[in-house]
């Protein structure tokens, strides 16, 4: 059961094990450290260009980028709409 936002769980793991593999898509993989850096960067961008009550449309191919985009929306406290 989650008692805090999903991204906070991911960030906590990244603090403890930044080199551990968080996501894998075929030959591509992201460590928890890389995942957190990408998510935080995209979340900052989402916050800078959207109003607080905005929904964010995400149009990326399935894979690692989809997971990064979804987590970034959650970290930015925005609704994520997969299109």
C-alpha atoms as a PDB file:
ATOM      1  CA  UNK A   1       0.000   0.000   0.000  1.00  0.00           C
ATOM      2  CA  UNK A   2       1.299   3.435  -0.923  1.00  0.00           C
ATOM      3  CA  UNK A   3       1.211   6.081   1.767  1.00  0.00           C
ATOM      4  CA  UNK A   4       2.982   8.706  -0.337  1.00  0.00           C
ATOM      5  CA  UNK A   5       3.193   9.634  -4.036  1.00  0.00           C
ATOM      6  CA  UNK A   6       4.667   7.027  -6.378  1.00  0.00           C
ATOM      7  CA  UNK A   7       7.593   9.210  -7.410  1.00  0.00           C
ATOM      8  CA  UNK A   8       8.623   9.625  -3.768  1.00  0.00           C
ATOM      9  CA  UNK A   9       8.976   5.839  -3.538  1.00  0.00           C
ATOM     10  CA  UNK A  10      11.131   5.817  -6.678  1.00  0.00           C
ATOM     11  CA  UNK A  11      13.249   8.711  -5.371  1.00  0.00           C
ATOM     12  CA  UNK A  12      13.772   6.907  -2.045  1.00  0.00           C
ATOM     13  CA  UNK A  13      15.097   3.856  -3.856  1.00  0.00           C
ATOM     14  CA  UNK A  14      17.309   6.115  -5.999  1.00  0.00           C
ATOM     15  CA  UNK A  15      18.791   7.607  -2.833  1.00  0.00           C
ATOM     16  CA  UNK A  16      19.692   4.137  -1.540  1.00  0.00           C
ATOM     17  CA  UNK A  17      20.611   2.399  -4.809  1.00  0.00           C
ATOM     18  CA  UNK A  18      21.163   4.919  -7.639  1.00  0.00           C
ATOM     19  CA  UNK A  19      22.938   2.385  -9.863  1.00  0.00           C
ATOM     20  CA  UNK A  20      20.259  -0.303  -9.579  1.00  0.00           C
ATOM     21  CA  UNK A  21      18.220  -0.888 -12.724  1.00  0.00           C
ATOM     22  CA  UNK A  22      14.766   0.656 -12.361  1.00  0.00           C
ATOM     23  CA  UNK A  23      13.333   0.018 -15.829  1.00  0.00           C
ATOM     24  CA  UNK A  24      14.282  -2.122 -18.768  1.00  0.00           C
ATOM     25  CA  UNK A  25      12.902  -2.116 -22.306  1.00  0.00           C
ATOM     26  CA  UNK A  26      14.693  -4.653 -24.439  1.00  0.00           C
ATOM     27  CA  UNK A  27      18.339  -3.597 -24.611  1.00  0.00           C
ATOM     28  CA  UNK A  28      17.629  -0.183 -23.043  1.00  0.00           C
ATOM     29  CA  UNK A  29      17.694   0.304 -19.297  1.00  0.00           C
ATOM     30  CA  UNK A  30      17.493   3.174 -16.832  1.00  0.00           C
ATOM     31  CA  UNK A  31      18.982   3.133 -13.364  1.00  0.00           C
ATOM     32  CA  UNK A  32      17.047   4.681 -10.502  1.00  0.00           C
ATOM     33  CA  UNK A  33      19.473   7.605 -10.518  1.00  0.00           C
ATOM     34  CA  UNK A  34      18.984   8.227 -14.248  1.00  0.00           C
ATOM     35  CA  UNK A  35      15.229   7.793 -13.940  1.00  0.00           C
ATOM     36  CA  UNK A  36      15.015  10.353 -11.143  1.00  0.00           C
ATOM     37  CA  UNK A  37      17.147  12.880 -13.024  1.00  0.00           C
ATOM     38  CA  UNK A  38      14.988  12.556 -16.151  1.00  0.00           C
ATOM     39  CA  UNK A  39      11.713  12.670 -14.201  1.00  0.00           C
ATOM     40  CA  UNK A  40      12.742  15.715 -12.158  1.00  0.00           C
ATOM     41  CA  UNK A  41      13.897  17.589 -15.256  1.00  0.00           C
ATOM     42  CA  UNK A  42      10.689  16.894 -17.150  1.00  0.00           C
ATOM     43  CA  UNK A  43       8.554  17.664 -14.081  1.00  0.00           C
ATOM     44  CA  UNK A  44      10.228  21.074 -13.763  1.00  0.00           C
ATOM     45  CA  UNK A  45       9.461  21.746 -17.432  1.00  0.00           C
ATOM     46  CA  UNK A  46       5.830  20.643 -17.048  1.00  0.00           C
ATOM     47  CA  UNK A  47       5.403  22.918 -14.021  1.00  0.00           C
ATOM     48  CA  UNK A  48       6.929  25.864 -15.896  1.00  0.00           C
ATOM     49  CA  UNK A  49       4.589  25.620 -18.889  1.00  0.00           C
ATOM     50  CA  UNK A  50       1.265  24.448 -17.439  1.00  0.00           C
ATOM     51  CA  UNK A  51      -1.223  25.859 -14.955  1.00  0.00           C
ATOM     52  CA  UNK A  52      -1.620  23.947 -11.700  1.00  0.00           C
ATOM     53  CA  UNK A  53      -4.972  22.395 -12.682  1.00  0.00           C
ATOM     54  CA  UNK A  54      -3.816  21.309 -16.153  1.00  0.00           C
ATOM     55  CA  UNK A  55      -3.937  17.887 -17.685  1.00  0.00           C
ATOM     56  CA  UNK A  56      -0.827  16.944 -19.644  1.00  0.00           C
ATOM     57  CA  UNK A  57      -1.230  14.987 -22.884  1.00  0.00           C
ATOM     58  CA  UNK A  58       1.605  12.494 -23.313  1.00  0.00           C
ATOM     59  CA  UNK A  59       2.357  11.274 -26.811  1.00  0.00           C
ATOM     60  CA  UNK A  60       5.420   9.048 -26.781  1.00  0.00           C
ATOM     61  CA  UNK A  61       5.986   5.499 -27.986  1.00  0.00           C
ATOM     62  CA  UNK A  62       5.564   2.754 -25.395  1.00  0.00           C
ATOM     63  CA  UNK A  63       8.723   2.131 -23.433  1.00  0.00           C
ATOM     64  CA  UNK A  64      11.041   3.944 -21.068  1.00  0.00           C
ATOM     65  CA  UNK A  65       9.973   7.407 -22.245  1.00  0.00           C
ATOM     66  CA  UNK A  66       6.357   6.601 -21.393  1.00  0.00           C
ATOM     67  CA  UNK A  67       7.288   5.685 -17.833  1.00  0.00           C
ATOM     68  CA  UNK A  68       9.420   8.840 -17.468  1.00  0.00           C
ATOM     69  CA  UNK A  69       6.584  11.032 -18.780  1.00  0.00           C
ATOM     70  CA  UNK A  70       3.979   9.465 -16.493  1.00  0.00           C
ATOM     71  CA  UNK A  71       6.179   9.782 -13.409  1.00  0.00           C
ATOM     72  CA  UNK A  72       7.012  13.382 -14.339  1.00  0.00           C
ATOM     73  CA  UNK A  73       3.311  14.234 -14.516  1.00  0.00           C
ATOM     74  CA  UNK A  74       2.788  12.654 -11.102  1.00  0.00           C
ATOM     75  CA  UNK A  75       5.821  14.471  -9.664  1.00  0.00           C
ATOM     76  CA  UNK A  76       4.483  17.757 -11.089  1.00  0.00           C
ATOM     77  CA  UNK A  77       1.044  17.048  -9.576  1.00  0.00           C
ATOM     78  CA  UNK A  78      -0.602  17.092 -12.995  1.00  0.00           C
ATOM     79  CA  UNK A  79      -3.113  14.753 -14.585  1.00  0.00           C
ATOM     80  CA  UNK A  80      -1.464  12.542 -17.193  1.00  0.00           C
ATOM     81  CA  UNK A  81      -3.449  11.739 -20.345  1.00  0.00           C
ATOM     82  CA  UNK A  82      -1.864   9.066 -22.512  1.00  0.00           C
ATOM     83  CA  UNK A  83      -2.744   9.641 -26.167  1.00  0.00           C
END
